[in-house]
Amino acid sequence: MTLDDSIRQSLEAVTFQFQKNPFDFLYESDLHCFLYAELFKRLSNDRTHIQCGYNEPPSYVNRDYIETTIVKSEYPSVVKYDIALLDGDSPIHFDAQTSRTEGWKNDPLWIQPLQAIIELKFLQPGDDRADKKNAFRSDIERLLAYKKNHRTAKPFLGICILFVSDYRVDGSAFVFGHESPFDSIVEGVWGIVVTPSKRMTFTAL
């Protein structure tokens, strides 16, 4: 199964559960946890090795590296995307010179490059629709910026997904690009709007 397949299947799972009963999810973090668990279930065997050196080997069971799944939450340490998938093929390893030059305070476990990012937003009854729309658009712009600044020569998949539990909102006003089939999500930056009755997928421009 490819990375794209794993992401699509995980998104299908959370969409199905949400549309079955949107009020199983009362907080954005509920959706976040559900999606993280689905991704971890499918990608826990996709792992990366990161060479360490800032801390002594006893910190890592007497090894000078750590092994970790690529699935992360609230990552990296400064920017904190909702869900991030590490690029296991090009890890940043500890380097003494780089550590001194950039003033590292730890091993580079929390600053790894990302091959995919998922941001979530949640619109519930009583929420300000204009504020949520601006926040959703802002997330899309952040992922476009990450792709431009960090992944111009490498594959990248960015997804911003808005869940709408308010049955009065049809979701069309939150589509900012060209609508495309869900199965066409493979690379680039995408937006998804999920309401209780439908799902809209679009490419972000």
C-alpha atoms as a PDB file:
ATOM      1  CA  MET A   1       0.000   0.000   0.000  1.00  0.00           C
ATOM      2  CA  THR A   2       1.388   3.408  -0.934  1.00  0.00           C
ATOM      3  CA  LEU A   3       1.549   6.399   1.397  1.00  0.00           C
ATOM      4  CA  ASP A   4      -1.200   8.111  -0.618  1.00  0.00           C
ATOM      5  CA  ASP A   5      -3.407   5.019  -0.319  1.00  0.00           C
ATOM      6  CA  SER A   6      -2.892   4.915   3.459  1.00  0.00           C
ATOM      7  CA  ILE A   7      -3.801   8.584   3.796  1.00  0.00           C
ATOM      8  CA  ARG A   8      -6.899   8.267   1.602  1.00  0.00           C
ATOM      9  CA  GLN A   9      -8.106   5.182   3.498  1.00  0.00           C
ATOM     10  CA  SER A  10      -7.594   6.952   6.830  1.00  0.00           C
ATOM     11  CA  LEU A  11      -9.527   9.969   5.589  1.00  0.00           C
ATOM     12  CA  GLU A  12     -12.285   7.662   4.331  1.00  0.00           C
ATOM     13  CA  ALA A  13     -12.530   6.101   7.795  1.00  0.00           C
ATOM     14  CA  VAL A  14     -12.894   9.387   9.661  1.00  0.00           C
ATOM     15  CA  THR A  15     -15.317  10.732   7.029  1.00  0.00           C
ATOM     16  CA  PHE A  16     -17.509   7.647   7.322  1.00  0.00           C
ATOM     17  CA  GLN A  17     -17.608   7.860  11.120  1.00  0.00           C
ATOM     18  CA  PHE A  18     -18.280  11.611  11.070  1.00  0.00           C
ATOM     19  CA  GLN A  19     -21.140  11.335   8.572  1.00  0.00           C
ATOM     20  CA  LYS A  20     -22.606   8.408  10.497  1.00  0.00           C
ATOM     21  CA  ASN A  21     -23.025  10.741  13.491  1.00  0.00           C
ATOM     22  CA  PRO A  22     -21.249  14.134  13.498  1.00  0.00           C
ATOM     23  CA  PHE A  23     -21.992  14.531  17.195  1.00  0.00           C
ATOM     24  CA  ASP A  24     -19.721  11.650  18.115  1.00  0.00           C
ATOM     25  CA  PHE A  25     -17.133  14.442  17.731  1.00  0.00           C
ATOM     26  CA  LEU A  26     -17.651  17.467  19.977  1.00  0.00           C
ATOM     27  CA  TYR A  27     -14.128  18.879  19.699  1.00  0.00           C
ATOM     28  CA  GLU A  28     -11.629  19.253  16.882  1.00  0.00           C
ATOM     29  CA  SER A  29      -9.240  17.180  18.988  1.00  0.00           C
ATOM     30  CA  ASP A  30     -11.713  14.247  18.809  1.00  0.00           C
ATOM     31  CA  LEU A  31     -11.351  14.220  15.013  1.00  0.00           C
ATOM     32  CA  HIS A  32      -7.604  14.741  15.316  1.00  0.00           C
ATOM     33  CA  CYS A  33      -7.237  11.700  17.591  1.00  0.00           C
ATOM     34  CA  PHE A  34      -9.412   9.499  15.378  1.00  0.00           C
ATOM     35  CA  LEU A  35      -7.473  10.378  12.224  1.00  0.00           C
ATOM     36  CA  TYR A  36      -4.106   9.986  13.963  1.00  0.00           C
ATOM     37  CA  ALA A  37      -5.106   6.495  15.133  1.00  0.00           C
ATOM     38  CA  GLU A  38      -6.189   5.492  11.625  1.00  0.00           C
ATOM     39  CA  LEU A  39      -2.905   6.703  10.127  1.00  0.00           C
ATOM     40  CA  PHE A  40      -0.838   5.039  12.847  1.00  0.00           C
ATOM     41  CA  LYS A  41      -2.665   1.758  12.267  1.00  0.00           C
ATOM     42  CA  ARG A  42      -1.740   1.814   8.585  1.00  0.00           C
ATOM     43  CA  LEU A  43       1.728   3.397   8.751  1.00  0.00           C
ATOM     44  CA  SER A  44       3.254   2.280  12.060  1.00  0.00           C
ATOM     45  CA  ASN A  45       5.701   0.031  10.191  1.00  0.00           C
ATOM     46  CA  ASP A  46       6.956   2.952   8.083  1.00  0.00           C
ATOM     47  CA  ARG A  47       9.885   4.047  10.217  1.00  0.00           C
ATOM     48  CA  THR A  48      12.933   6.275  10.097  1.00  0.00           C
ATOM     49  CA  HIS A  49      16.327   6.209  11.825  1.00  0.00           C
ATOM     50  CA  ILE A  50      17.754   9.452  13.190  1.00  0.00           C
ATOM     51  CA  GLN A  51      21.394   9.649  14.249  1.00  0.00           C
ATOM     52  CA  CYS A  52      21.845  11.380  17.593  1.00  0.00           C
ATOM     53  CA  GLY A  53      24.812  12.937  19.370  1.00  0.00           C
ATOM     54  CA  TYR A  54      23.667  15.887  21.436  1.00  0.00           C
ATOM     55  CA  ASN A  55      22.618  13.604  24.277  1.00  0.00           C
ATOM     56  CA  GLU A  56      24.698  10.718  25.631  1.00  0.00           C
ATOM     57  CA  PRO A  57      23.882   7.182  24.347  1.00  0.00           C
ATOM     58  CA  PRO A  58      22.313   6.086  27.680  1.00  0.00           C
ATOM     59  CA  SER A  59      19.470   8.474  26.826  1.00  0.00           C
ATOM     60  CA  TYR A  60      18.593   6.152  23.945  1.00  0.00           C
ATOM     61  CA  VAL A  61      19.140   2.720  25.540  1.00  0.00           C
ATOM     62  CA  ASN A  62      22.887   2.939  24.863  1.00  0.00           C
ATOM     63  CA  ARG A  63      22.451   3.603  21.156  1.00  0.00           C
ATOM     64  CA  ASP A  64      23.516   6.671  19.208  1.00  0.00           C
ATOM     65  CA  TYR A  65      20.300   6.745  17.143  1.00  0.00           C
ATOM     66  CA  ILE A  66      16.555   6.371  17.548  1.00  0.00           C
ATOM     67  CA  GLU A  67      14.000   4.591  15.398  1.00  0.00           C
ATOM     68  CA  THR A  68      10.533   6.077  15.156  1.00  0.00           C
ATOM     69  CA  THR A  69       7.318   5.839  13.158  1.00  0.00           C
ATOM     70  CA  ILE A  70       6.824   8.542  10.558  1.00  0.00           C
ATOM     71  CA  VAL A  71       3.368   9.450  11.964  1.00  0.00           C
ATOM     72  CA  LYS A  72       3.520  12.467  14.285  1.00  0.00           C
ATOM     73  CA  SER A  73       1.070  14.835  15.943  1.00  0.00           C
ATOM     74  CA  GLU A  74       1.597  18.550  16.674  1.00  0.00           C
ATOM     75  CA  TYR A  75       4.876  18.438  14.758  1.00  0.00           C
ATOM     76  CA  PRO A  76       7.486  19.917  14.306  1.00  0.00           C
ATOM     77  CA  SER A  77       8.282  21.504  17.648  1.00  0.00           C
ATOM     78  CA  VAL A  78       7.923  25.140  16.556  1.00  0.00           C
ATOM     79  CA  VAL A  79       5.246  25.170  13.833  1.00  0.00           C
ATOM     80  CA  LYS A  80       3.093  22.276  15.132  1.00  0.00           C
ATOM     81  CA  TYR A  81       0.994  20.999  12.250  1.00  0.00           C
ATOM     82  CA  ASP A  82      -1.947  18.862  13.385  1.00  0.00           C
ATOM     83  CA  ILE A  83      -0.622  15.663  11.800  1.00  0.00           C
ATOM     84  CA  ALA A  84       2.713  15.307  10.031  1.00  0.00           C
ATOM     85  CA  LEU A  85       4.376  12.405   8.243  1.00  0.00           C
ATOM     86  CA  LEU A  86       8.164  12.425   8.369  1.00  0.00           C
ATOM     87  CA  ASP A  87      10.233  11.940   5.237  1.00  0.00           C
ATOM     88  CA  GLY A  88      12.056   8.779   6.268  1.00  0.00           C
ATOM     89  CA  ASP A  89      14.225   8.823   3.148  1.00  0.00           C
ATOM     90  CA  SER A  90      16.024  12.076   4.009  1.00  0.00           C
ATOM     91  CA  PRO A  91      16.334  12.403   7.791  1.00  0.00           C
ATOM     92  CA  ILE A  92      18.263  15.186   9.473  1.00  0.00           C
ATOM     93  CA  HIS A  93      20.981  13.582  11.597  1.00  0.00           C
ATOM     94  CA  PHE A  94      22.929  15.153  14.418  1.00  0.00           C
ATOM     95  CA  ASP A  95      25.971  17.094  13.244  1.00  0.00           C
ATOM     96  CA  ALA A  96      28.217  18.818  15.792  1.00  0.00           C
ATOM     97  CA  GLN A  97      29.081  21.754  13.542  1.00  0.00           C
ATOM     98  CA  THR A  98      25.469  22.375  12.562  1.00  0.00           C
ATOM     99  CA  SER A  99      24.430  22.059  16.185  1.00  0.00           C
ATOM    100  CA  ARG A 100      26.880  24.793  17.223  1.00  0.00           C
ATOM    101  CA  THR A 101      26.083  27.058  14.281  1.00  0.00           C
ATOM    102  CA  GLU A 102      22.304  26.853  14.674  1.00  0.00           C
ATOM    103  CA  GLY A 103      22.282  26.700  18.445  1.00  0.00           C
ATOM    104  CA  TRP A 104      20.547  23.358  18.801  1.00  0.00           C
ATOM    105  CA  LYS A 105      19.390  22.560  22.336  1.00  0.00           C
ATOM    106  CA  ASN A 106      18.706  18.876  21.662  1.00  0.00           C
ATOM    107  CA  ASP A 107      19.037  16.120  19.089  1.00  0.00           C
ATOM    108  CA  PRO A 108      17.163  16.857  15.838  1.00  0.00           C
ATOM    109  CA  LEU A 109      14.238  14.560  16.594  1.00  0.00           C
ATOM    110  CA  TRP A 110      11.681  17.372  16.437  1.00  0.00           C
ATOM    111  CA  ILE A 111      12.823  19.165  13.256  1.00  0.00           C
ATOM    112  CA  GLN A 112      12.647  16.449  10.605  1.00  0.00           C
ATOM    113  CA  PRO A 113      11.513  17.151   7.022  1.00  0.00           C
ATOM    114  CA  LEU A 114       7.910  16.278   6.177  1.00  0.00           C
ATOM    115  CA  GLN A 115       6.508  14.462   3.179  1.00  0.00           C
ATOM    116  CA  ALA A 116       2.878  15.039   4.146  1.00  0.00           C
ATOM    117  CA  ILE A 117       0.910  17.366   6.427  1.00  0.00           C
ATOM    118  CA  ILE A 118      -2.756  17.279   7.435  1.00  0.00           C
ATOM    119  CA  GLU A 119      -4.487  20.231   9.070  1.00  0.00           C
ATOM    120  CA  LEU A 120      -7.996  19.946  10.530  1.00  0.00           C
ATOM    121  CA  LYS A 121     -10.707  22.489  11.203  1.00  0.00           C
ATOM    122  CA  PHE A 122     -14.153  21.978  12.758  1.00  0.00           C
ATOM    123  CA  LEU A 123     -17.283  24.101  12.245  1.00  0.00           C
ATOM    124  CA  GLN A 124     -20.074  23.432  14.739  1.00  0.00           C
ATOM    125  CA  PRO A 125     -23.464  25.060  15.385  1.00  0.00           C
ATOM    126  CA  GLY A 126     -22.844  28.459  16.959  1.00  0.00           C
ATOM    127  CA  ASP A 127     -19.344  28.928  15.509  1.00  0.00           C
ATOM    128  CA  ASP A 128     -18.504  32.050  13.520  1.00  0.00           C
ATOM    129  CA  ARG A 129     -18.537  30.872   9.889  1.00  0.00           C
ATOM    130  CA  ALA A 130     -16.449  33.778   8.599  1.00  0.00           C
ATOM    131  CA  ASP A 131     -13.733  33.168  11.194  1.00  0.00           C
ATOM    132  CA  LYS A 132     -13.663  29.451  10.407  1.00  0.00           C
ATOM    133  CA  LYS A 133     -13.503  30.143   6.679  1.00  0.00           C
ATOM    134  CA  ASN A 134     -10.525  32.475   7.174  1.00  0.00           C
ATOM    135  CA  ALA A 135      -8.770  29.929   9.390  1.00  0.00           C
ATOM    136  CA  PHE A 136      -9.338  27.179   6.811  1.00  0.00           C
ATOM    137  CA  ARG A 137      -7.936  29.361   4.034  1.00  0.00           C
ATOM    138  CA  SER A 138      -4.973  30.281   6.237  1.00  0.00           C
ATOM    139  CA  ASP A 139      -4.159  26.593   6.765  1.00  0.00           C
ATOM    140  CA  ILE A 140      -4.200  26.027   3.006  1.00  0.00           C
ATOM    141  CA  GLU A 141      -1.831  28.955   2.497  1.00  0.00           C
ATOM    142  CA  ARG A 142       0.523  27.575   5.169  1.00  0.00           C
ATOM    143  CA  LEU A 143       0.766  24.243   3.372  1.00  0.00           C
ATOM    144  CA  LEU A 144       1.328  25.920   0.015  1.00  0.00           C
ATOM    145  CA  ALA A 145       4.163  27.877   1.656  1.00  0.00           C
ATOM    146  CA  TYR A 146       5.694  24.713   3.133  1.00  0.00           C
ATOM    147  CA  LYS A 147       5.630  23.040  -0.286  1.00  0.00           C
ATOM    148  CA  LYS A 148       7.227  26.076  -1.933  1.00  0.00           C
ATOM    149  CA  ASN A 149       9.896  26.591   0.729  1.00  0.00           C
ATOM    150  CA  HIS A 150      10.818  23.004   1.568  1.00  0.00           C
ATOM    151  CA  ARG A 151       9.560  20.514  -1.027  1.00  0.00           C
ATOM    152  CA  THR A 152       9.974  22.051  -4.474  1.00  0.00           C
ATOM    153  CA  ALA A 153      12.206  19.169  -5.616  1.00  0.00           C
ATOM    154  CA  LYS A 154      10.548  16.397  -3.597  1.00  0.00           C
ATOM    155  CA  PRO A 155       7.062  14.873  -3.423  1.00  0.00           C
ATOM    156  CA  PHE A 156       4.701  16.509  -0.949  1.00  0.00           C
ATOM    157  CA  LEU A 157       1.074  16.011  -0.014  1.00  0.00           C
ATOM    158  CA  GLY A 158      -0.702  18.661   2.023  1.00  0.00           C
ATOM    159  CA  ILE A 159      -4.345  18.292   3.048  1.00  0.00           C
ATOM    160  CA  CYS A 160      -6.574  20.768   4.857  1.00  0.00           C
ATOM    161  CA  ILE A 161      -9.861  19.211   5.908  1.00  0.00           C
ATOM    162  CA  LEU A 162     -12.852  21.057   7.323  1.00  0.00           C
ATOM    163  CA  PHE A 163     -15.549  19.073   9.121  1.00  0.00           C
ATOM    164  CA  VAL A 164     -18.957  20.771   9.329  1.00  0.00           C
ATOM    165  CA  SER A 165     -21.413  19.349  11.870  1.00  0.00           C
ATOM    166  CA  ASP A 166     -23.985  22.139  11.422  1.00  0.00           C
ATOM    167  CA  TYR A 167     -26.716  20.647   9.197  1.00  0.00           C
ATOM    168  CA  ARG A 168     -27.674  24.128   7.928  1.00  0.00           C
ATOM    169  CA  VAL A 169     -24.283  24.615   6.196  1.00  0.00           C
ATOM    170  CA  ASP A 170     -23.818  22.912   2.823  1.00  0.00           C
ATOM    171  CA  GLY A 171     -20.061  23.611   2.731  1.00  0.00           C
ATOM    172  CA  SER A 172     -19.772  24.961  -0.826  1.00  0.00           C
ATOM    173  CA  ALA A 173     -18.675  28.398   0.400  1.00  0.00           C
ATOM    174  CA  PHE A 174     -15.520  26.810   1.823  1.00  0.00           C
ATOM    175  CA  VAL A 175     -14.279  25.441  -1.514  1.00  0.00           C
ATOM    176  CA  PHE A 176     -11.402  27.654  -2.710  1.00  0.00           C
ATOM    177  CA  GLY A 177     -10.157  25.760  -5.771  1.00  0.00           C
ATOM    178  CA  HIS A 178     -11.087  23.354  -8.551  1.00  0.00           C
ATOM    179  CA  GLU A 179     -13.202  20.426  -7.377  1.00  0.00           C
ATOM    180  CA  SER A 180     -11.659  17.035  -8.132  1.00  0.00           C
ATOM    181  CA  PRO A 181     -12.469  13.404  -7.310  1.00  0.00           C
ATOM    182  CA  PHE A 182     -11.301  12.250  -3.885  1.00  0.00           C
ATOM    183  CA  ASP A 183      -9.405   9.354  -5.481  1.00  0.00           C
ATOM    184  CA  SER A 184      -7.222  11.812  -7.401  1.00  0.00           C
ATOM    185  CA  ILE A 185      -5.465  12.985  -4.213  1.00  0.00           C
ATOM    186  CA  VAL A 186      -1.831  12.031  -4.797  1.00  0.00           C
ATOM    187  CA  GLU A 187       0.440  15.079  -4.529  1.00  0.00           C
ATOM    188  CA  GLY A 188       0.234  18.831  -4.032  1.00  0.00           C
ATOM    189  CA  VAL A 189      -2.031  20.747  -1.657  1.00  0.00           C
ATOM    190  CA  TRP A 190      -5.693  19.794  -1.342  1.00  0.00           C
ATOM    191  CA  GLY A 191      -8.751  20.962   0.519  1.00  0.00           C
ATOM    192  CA  ILE A 192     -11.563  18.734   1.717  1.00  0.00           C
ATOM    193  CA  VAL A 193     -14.913  19.850   3.154  1.00  0.00           C
ATOM    194  CA  VAL A 194     -16.979  17.202   4.909  1.00  0.00           C
ATOM    195  CA  THR A 195     -20.596  17.877   5.913  1.00  0.00           C
ATOM    196  CA  PRO A 196     -23.106  15.374   7.314  1.00  0.00           C
ATOM    197  CA  SER A 197     -24.310  14.605   3.800  1.00  0.00           C
ATOM    198  CA  LYS A 198     -21.458  15.179   1.366  1.00  0.00           C
ATOM    199  CA  ARG A 199     -17.731  15.531   0.820  1.00  0.00           C
ATOM    200  CA  MET A 200     -16.098  18.070  -1.520  1.00  0.00           C
ATOM    201  CA  THR A 201     -12.473  17.739  -2.589  1.00  0.00           C
ATOM    202  CA  PHE A 202     -10.558  20.496  -4.367  1.00  0.00           C
ATOM    203  CA  THR A 203      -7.058  21.363  -5.473  1.00  0.00           C
ATOM    204  CA  ALA A 204      -5.680  24.448  -3.733  1.00  0.00           C
ATOM    205  CA  LEU A 205      -4.403  27.182  -6.052  1.00  0.00           C
END
